[in-house]
Amino acid sequence: MYLASLRHNLGGILRFSGRSSREFFWPYALTLLGVTVAATILVMAPAMFRMSETYAREHPEQVVETVGPGGYSIEVKDPPPDLFRNIDIPLTELGIVGGLFLLLLAAAVTRRLHDRGLPGILGILPLIPFSASAFYFMPRIFHQFALADGSPPTAFVAAFFCNLLYLGLLLGLGLLLAMKGQPQSNRYGDPPEPGRGEATP
């Protein structure tokens, strides 16, 4: 079933019509999510490491560097509020990772919503607050992590509420995708056949 799910969805990344069963959707979606999380860590880790190295060179009295046969670590003692101000966020690389994730998942989400009798446009609702938070507010938070008086910047408060809205919409979408499809034909086609993930053309 797992390999069949991957083949079914990768073969239909541009097919936004028809219906797909949840049994064929979730193995594919969770695999994509895992790969995307791993890729995001690989993209962000060098940026975080460069920031730590730079801070260690400029403030050697505030860091503890540990070098061993198994790795290298930097511990910052009493990190200042503006520690992340100079981080070089790889926005282009993160955008590519996120874009590929959405491209590979969009049609599968649309067909799964169709199986519930719902329009695929519902799948983009969580992207609205997520995009505002990730591409507008987060860069400002990293570069201006704290105001002169130590209070959180306005961008942090706005991003917090954007993230709450995003999580709520994402949870709602996840529940819709997890529900059983309609057993009867609907305006998007016949119900998927067991073991195939879609109806016979």
C-alpha atoms as a PDB file:
ATOM      1  CA  MET A   1       0.000   0.000   0.000  1.00  0.00           C
ATOM      2  CA  TYR A   2       2.831   2.412   0.863  1.00  0.00           C
ATOM      3  CA  LEU A   3       4.621   2.152  -2.485  1.00  0.00           C
ATOM      4  CA  ALA A   4       1.280   2.178  -4.294  1.00  0.00           C
ATOM      5  CA  SER A   5       0.429   5.430  -2.500  1.00  0.00           C
ATOM      6  CA  LEU A   6       3.703   7.037  -3.589  1.00  0.00           C
ATOM      7  CA  ARG A   7       3.298   5.916  -7.200  1.00  0.00           C
ATOM      8  CA  HIS A   8      -0.341   7.006  -7.319  1.00  0.00           C
ATOM      9  CA  ASN A   9       0.295  10.518  -6.014  1.00  0.00           C
ATOM     10  CA  LEU A  10       3.618  11.194  -7.735  1.00  0.00           C
ATOM     11  CA  GLY A  11       2.020  10.117 -10.986  1.00  0.00           C
ATOM     12  CA  GLY A  12      -0.801  12.596 -10.433  1.00  0.00           C
ATOM     13  CA  ILE A  13       0.955  15.726  -9.132  1.00  0.00           C
ATOM     14  CA  LEU A  14      -0.761  17.783 -11.859  1.00  0.00           C
ATOM     15  CA  ARG A  15      -4.109  15.977 -11.766  1.00  0.00           C
ATOM     16  CA  PHE A  16      -6.486  18.186  -9.794  1.00  0.00           C
ATOM     17  CA  SER A  17      -9.640  16.381 -10.882  1.00  0.00           C
ATOM     18  CA  GLY A  18     -11.238  13.260  -9.460  1.00  0.00           C
ATOM     19  CA  ARG A  19     -11.136  11.780  -5.983  1.00  0.00           C
ATOM     20  CA  SER A  20      -8.584   9.950  -3.826  1.00  0.00           C
ATOM     21  CA  SER A  21      -9.062   7.801  -0.750  1.00  0.00           C
ATOM     22  CA  ARG A  22      -7.475   8.615   2.600  1.00  0.00           C
ATOM     23  CA  GLU A  23      -5.633   5.257   2.523  1.00  0.00           C
ATOM     24  CA  PHE A  24      -3.756   6.433  -0.562  1.00  0.00           C
ATOM     25  CA  PHE A  25      -3.311  10.005   0.675  1.00  0.00           C
ATOM     26  CA  TRP A  26      -1.777   9.755   4.134  1.00  0.00           C
ATOM     27  CA  PRO A  27       1.294   7.559   3.488  1.00  0.00           C
ATOM     28  CA  TYR A  28       2.307   9.950   0.715  1.00  0.00           C
ATOM     29  CA  ALA A  29       1.532  13.123   2.699  1.00  0.00           C
ATOM     30  CA  LEU A  30       3.414  11.985   5.809  1.00  0.00           C
ATOM     31  CA  THR A  31       6.424  10.964   3.724  1.00  0.00           C
ATOM     32  CA  LEU A  32       6.505  14.403   2.111  1.00  0.00           C
ATOM     33  CA  LEU A  33       6.208  16.063   5.508  1.00  0.00           C
ATOM     34  CA  GLY A  34       9.122  14.063   6.914  1.00  0.00           C
ATOM     35  CA  VAL A  35      11.344  14.834   3.926  1.00  0.00           C
ATOM     36  CA  THR A  36      10.438  18.532   4.115  1.00  0.00           C
ATOM     37  CA  VAL A  37      11.233  18.770   7.828  1.00  0.00           C
ATOM     38  CA  ALA A  38      14.605  17.082   7.257  1.00  0.00           C
ATOM     39  CA  ALA A  39      15.389  19.404   4.334  1.00  0.00           C
ATOM     40  CA  THR A  40      14.455  22.471   6.400  1.00  0.00           C
ATOM     41  CA  ILE A  41      16.815  21.407   9.176  1.00  0.00           C
ATOM     42  CA  LEU A  42      19.614  20.865   6.656  1.00  0.00           C
ATOM     43  CA  VAL A  43      19.023  24.345   5.233  1.00  0.00           C
ATOM     44  CA  MET A  44      18.787  26.166   8.580  1.00  0.00           C
ATOM     45  CA  ALA A  45      21.574  24.350  10.445  1.00  0.00           C
ATOM     46  CA  PRO A  46      24.481  25.993   8.545  1.00  0.00           C
ATOM     47  CA  ALA A  47      22.968  29.469   9.081  1.00  0.00           C
ATOM     48  CA  MET A  48      22.602  28.855  12.812  1.00  0.00           C
ATOM     49  CA  PHE A  49      26.120  27.449  13.005  1.00  0.00           C
ATOM     50  CA  ARG A  50      27.598  30.479  11.178  1.00  0.00           C
ATOM     51  CA  MET A  51      25.772  32.822  13.559  1.00  0.00           C
ATOM     52  CA  SER A  52      27.128  30.928  16.573  1.00  0.00           C
ATOM     53  CA  GLU A  53      30.677  30.957  15.220  1.00  0.00           C
ATOM     54  CA  THR A  54      30.508  34.696  14.528  1.00  0.00           C
ATOM     55  CA  TYR A  55      29.209  35.411  18.026  1.00  0.00           C
ATOM     56  CA  ALA A  56      31.924  33.192  19.524  1.00  0.00           C
ATOM     57  CA  ARG A  57      34.661  35.130  17.705  1.00  0.00           C
ATOM     58  CA  GLU A  58      33.242  38.500  18.755  1.00  0.00           C
ATOM     59  CA  HIS A  59      32.421  37.534  22.374  1.00  0.00           C
ATOM     60  CA  PRO A  60      34.852  34.773  23.419  1.00  0.00           C
ATOM     61  CA  GLU A  61      34.230  35.496  27.111  1.00  0.00           C
ATOM     62  CA  GLN A  62      30.518  34.607  26.786  1.00  0.00           C
ATOM     63  CA  VAL A  63      30.785  31.259  25.030  1.00  0.00           C
ATOM     64  CA  VAL A  64      31.962  27.766  25.881  1.00  0.00           C
ATOM     65  CA  GLU A  65      33.263  25.800  22.902  1.00  0.00           C
ATOM     66  CA  THR A  66      33.435  22.027  23.192  1.00  0.00           C
ATOM     67  CA  VAL A  67      35.428  20.014  20.683  1.00  0.00           C
ATOM     68  CA  GLY A  68      35.365  16.246  20.822  1.00  0.00           C
ATOM     69  CA  PRO A  69      35.805  13.213  18.603  1.00  0.00           C
ATOM     70  CA  GLY A  70      32.047  13.078  18.055  1.00  0.00           C
ATOM     71  CA  GLY A  71      31.373  16.711  17.198  1.00  0.00           C
ATOM     72  CA  TYR A  72      31.654  20.392  18.033  1.00  0.00           C
ATOM     73  CA  SER A  73      29.299  22.539  20.121  1.00  0.00           C
ATOM     74  CA  ILE A  74      29.016  26.185  21.176  1.00  0.00           C
ATOM     75  CA  GLU A  75      27.186  27.154  24.363  1.00  0.00           C
ATOM     76  CA  VAL A  76      26.285  30.829  24.833  1.00  0.00           C
ATOM     77  CA  LYS A  77      26.167  31.956  28.472  1.00  0.00           C
ATOM     78  CA  ASP A  78      23.391  34.488  29.165  1.00  0.00           C
ATOM     79  CA  PRO A  79      22.509  35.091  25.492  1.00  0.00           C
ATOM     80  CA  PRO A  80      21.563  38.719  24.777  1.00  0.00           C
ATOM     81  CA  PRO A  81      18.103  39.569  23.320  1.00  0.00           C
ATOM     82  CA  ASP A  82      19.659  40.581  19.996  1.00  0.00           C
ATOM     83  CA  LEU A  83      21.574  37.326  19.474  1.00  0.00           C
ATOM     84  CA  PHE A  84      19.527  36.458  16.363  1.00  0.00           C
ATOM     85  CA  ARG A  85      19.703  39.931  14.899  1.00  0.00           C
ATOM     86  CA  ASN A  86      22.555  39.087  12.562  1.00  0.00           C
ATOM     87  CA  ILE A  87      21.441  35.655  11.424  1.00  0.00           C
ATOM     88  CA  ASP A  88      21.558  35.213   7.667  1.00  0.00           C
ATOM     89  CA  ILE A  89      18.259  33.447   6.991  1.00  0.00           C
ATOM     90  CA  PRO A  90      18.436  31.374   3.773  1.00  0.00           C
ATOM     91  CA  LEU A  91      15.030  32.566   2.548  1.00  0.00           C
ATOM     92  CA  THR A  92      15.623  31.452  -1.034  1.00  0.00           C
ATOM     93  CA  GLU A  93      16.483  27.896  -0.035  1.00  0.00           C
ATOM     94  CA  LEU A  94      13.585  27.718   2.431  1.00  0.00           C
ATOM     95  CA  GLY A  95      11.266  29.043  -0.263  1.00  0.00           C
ATOM     96  CA  ILE A  96      12.415  26.314  -2.654  1.00  0.00           C
ATOM     97  CA  VAL A  97      11.859  23.596  -0.035  1.00  0.00           C
ATOM     98  CA  GLY A  98       8.417  24.937   0.833  1.00  0.00           C
ATOM     99  CA  GLY A  99       7.479  25.423  -2.800  1.00  0.00           C
ATOM    100  CA  LEU A 100       8.392  21.849  -3.711  1.00  0.00           C
ATOM    101  CA  PHE A 101       6.393  20.548  -0.752  1.00  0.00           C
ATOM    102  CA  LEU A 102       3.312  22.466  -1.861  1.00  0.00           C
ATOM    103  CA  LEU A 103       3.749  21.498  -5.506  1.00  0.00           C
ATOM    104  CA  LEU A 104       3.995  17.804  -4.678  1.00  0.00           C
ATOM    105  CA  LEU A 105       1.077  17.905  -2.234  1.00  0.00           C
ATOM    106  CA  ALA A 106      -1.414  20.291  -3.867  1.00  0.00           C
ATOM    107  CA  ALA A 107      -3.136  17.878  -6.241  1.00  0.00           C
ATOM    108  CA  ALA A 108      -3.314  15.101  -3.630  1.00  0.00           C
ATOM    109  CA  VAL A 109      -4.988  17.452  -1.130  1.00  0.00           C
ATOM    110  CA  THR A 110      -7.421  18.625  -3.811  1.00  0.00           C
ATOM    111  CA  ARG A 111      -8.470  15.087  -4.727  1.00  0.00           C
ATOM    112  CA  ARG A 112      -8.813  14.128  -1.042  1.00  0.00           C
ATOM    113  CA  LEU A 113     -11.108  17.121  -0.441  1.00  0.00           C
ATOM    114  CA  HIS A 114     -13.063  16.156  -3.546  1.00  0.00           C
ATOM    115  CA  ASP A 115     -13.624  12.745  -1.969  1.00  0.00           C
ATOM    116  CA  ARG A 116     -15.342  14.569   0.878  1.00  0.00           C
ATOM    117  CA  GLY A 117     -17.450  16.542  -1.608  1.00  0.00           C
ATOM    118  CA  LEU A 118     -15.527  19.766  -0.893  1.00  0.00           C
ATOM    119  CA  PRO A 119     -13.751  22.200  -3.243  1.00  0.00           C
ATOM    120  CA  GLY A 120      -9.975  21.948  -3.411  1.00  0.00           C
ATOM    121  CA  ILE A 121      -9.620  25.703  -2.806  1.00  0.00           C
ATOM    122  CA  LEU A 122     -10.061  24.980   0.913  1.00  0.00           C
ATOM    123  CA  GLY A 123      -6.582  23.493   0.890  1.00  0.00           C
ATOM    124  CA  ILE A 124      -4.912  26.885   0.471  1.00  0.00           C
ATOM    125  CA  LEU A 125      -6.569  28.605   3.450  1.00  0.00           C
ATOM    126  CA  PRO A 126      -3.778  27.730   5.953  1.00  0.00           C
ATOM    127  CA  LEU A 127      -1.204  29.171   3.540  1.00  0.00           C
ATOM    128  CA  ILE A 128      -2.497  32.728   3.950  1.00  0.00           C
ATOM    129  CA  PRO A 129      -1.489  33.299   7.608  1.00  0.00           C
ATOM    130  CA  PHE A 130       1.525  30.980   7.223  1.00  0.00           C
ATOM    131  CA  SER A 131       2.914  33.033   4.326  1.00  0.00           C
ATOM    132  CA  ALA A 132       2.390  36.280   6.224  1.00  0.00           C
ATOM    133  CA  SER A 133       4.231  34.883   9.239  1.00  0.00           C
ATOM    134  CA  ALA A 134       7.057  33.048   7.453  1.00  0.00           C
ATOM    135  CA  PHE A 135       7.941  35.533   4.728  1.00  0.00           C
ATOM    136  CA  TYR A 136       6.994  38.887   6.254  1.00  0.00           C
ATOM    137  CA  PHE A 137       7.123  38.788  10.038  1.00  0.00           C
ATOM    138  CA  MET A 138       9.817  36.181  10.773  1.00  0.00           C
ATOM    139  CA  PRO A 139      12.666  37.972   8.937  1.00  0.00           C
ATOM    140  CA  ARG A 140      11.830  41.121  10.901  1.00  0.00           C
ATOM    141  CA  ILE A 141      11.792  39.194  14.156  1.00  0.00           C
ATOM    142  CA  PHE A 142      15.225  37.688  13.505  1.00  0.00           C
ATOM    143  CA  HIS A 143      16.771  41.019  12.537  1.00  0.00           C
ATOM    144  CA  GLN A 144      15.060  43.038  15.278  1.00  0.00           C
ATOM    145  CA  PHE A 145      14.575  40.455  17.993  1.00  0.00           C
ATOM    146  CA  ALA A 146      14.077  42.995  20.732  1.00  0.00           C
ATOM    147  CA  LEU A 147      13.453  46.706  21.059  1.00  0.00           C
ATOM    148  CA  ALA A 148      15.724  48.987  23.041  1.00  0.00           C
ATOM    149  CA  ASP A 149      13.552  48.601  26.153  1.00  0.00           C
ATOM    150  CA  GLY A 150      13.572  44.803  25.935  1.00  0.00           C
ATOM    151  CA  SER A 151       9.902  44.425  25.056  1.00  0.00           C
ATOM    152  CA  PRO A 152       8.951  42.124  22.177  1.00  0.00           C
ATOM    153  CA  PRO A 153       8.720  43.802  18.767  1.00  0.00           C
ATOM    154  CA  THR A 154       5.371  44.367  17.096  1.00  0.00           C
ATOM    155  CA  ALA A 155       6.304  41.801  14.430  1.00  0.00           C
ATOM    156  CA  PHE A 156       6.570  39.125  17.136  1.00  0.00           C
ATOM    157  CA  VAL A 157       3.038  39.792  18.407  1.00  0.00           C
ATOM    158  CA  ALA A 158       1.611  39.832  14.867  1.00  0.00           C
ATOM    159  CA  ALA A 159       3.442  36.608  13.969  1.00  0.00           C
ATOM    160  CA  PHE A 160       2.116  34.947  17.133  1.00  0.00           C
ATOM    161  CA  PHE A 161      -1.509  35.604  16.164  1.00  0.00           C
ATOM    162  CA  CYS A 162      -0.811  34.641  12.540  1.00  0.00           C
ATOM    163  CA  ASN A 163       0.586  31.339  13.757  1.00  0.00           C
ATOM    164  CA  LEU A 164      -2.468  30.721  15.949  1.00  0.00           C
ATOM    165  CA  LEU A 165      -4.723  31.293  12.954  1.00  0.00           C
ATOM    166  CA  TYR A 166      -2.507  29.091  10.785  1.00  0.00           C
ATOM    167  CA  LEU A 167      -2.539  26.242  13.304  1.00  0.00           C
ATOM    168  CA  GLY A 168      -6.318  26.448  13.655  1.00  0.00           C
ATOM    169  CA  LEU A 169      -6.854  26.330   9.885  1.00  0.00           C
ATOM    170  CA  LEU A 170      -4.278  23.565   9.499  1.00  0.00           C
ATOM    171  CA  LEU A 171      -5.967  21.485  12.186  1.00  0.00           C
ATOM    172  CA  GLY A 172      -9.326  21.965  10.478  1.00  0.00           C
ATOM    173  CA  LEU A 173      -7.867  20.956   7.115  1.00  0.00           C
ATOM    174  CA  GLY A 174      -6.195  17.911   8.663  1.00  0.00           C
ATOM    175  CA  LEU A 175      -9.505  16.771  10.139  1.00  0.00           C
ATOM    176  CA  LEU A 176     -11.204  17.115   6.752  1.00  0.00           C
ATOM    177  CA  LEU A 177      -8.438  15.127   5.056  1.00  0.00           C
ATOM    178  CA  ALA A 178      -8.666  12.401   7.712  1.00  0.00           C
ATOM    179  CA  MET A 179     -12.415  11.892   7.400  1.00  0.00           C
ATOM    180  CA  LYS A 180     -13.914   9.098   5.373  1.00  0.00           C
ATOM    181  CA  GLY A 181     -14.953  10.018   1.851  1.00  0.00           C
ATOM    182  CA  GLN A 182     -18.519  10.083   0.626  1.00  0.00           C
ATOM    183  CA  PRO A 183     -19.644   6.564  -0.322  1.00  0.00           C
ATOM    184  CA  GLN A 184     -21.742   7.797  -3.226  1.00  0.00           C
ATOM    185  CA  SER A 185     -20.794   9.623  -6.423  1.00  0.00           C
ATOM    186  CA  ASN A 186     -20.546  13.385  -6.102  1.00  0.00           C
ATOM    187  CA  ARG A 187     -19.862  16.257  -8.485  1.00  0.00           C
ATOM    188  CA  TYR A 188     -16.166  15.340  -8.546  1.00  0.00           C
ATOM    189  CA  GLY A 189     -16.654  11.743  -9.671  1.00  0.00           C
ATOM    190  CA  ASP A 190     -17.269   8.226  -8.450  1.00  0.00           C
ATOM    191  CA  PRO A 191     -15.880   7.013  -5.105  1.00  0.00           C
ATOM    192  CA  PRO A 192     -12.350   5.544  -5.185  1.00  0.00           C
ATOM    193  CA  GLU A 193     -12.174   1.783  -5.577  1.00  0.00           C
ATOM    194  CA  PRO A 194     -10.562  -0.235  -2.752  1.00  0.00           C
ATOM    195  CA  GLY A 195      -6.892  -0.839  -3.448  1.00  0.00           C
ATOM    196  CA  ARG A 196      -6.697   1.706  -6.284  1.00  0.00           C
ATOM    197  CA  GLY A 197      -7.100   5.077  -4.578  1.00  0.00           C
ATOM    198  CA  GLU A 198      -9.361   6.360  -7.343  1.00  0.00           C
ATOM    199  CA  ALA A 199     -12.305   5.324  -9.462  1.00  0.00           C
ATOM    200  CA  THR A 200     -11.848   3.404 -12.695  1.00  0.00           C
ATOM    201  CA  PRO A 201     -11.950   5.924 -15.594  1.00  0.00           C
END
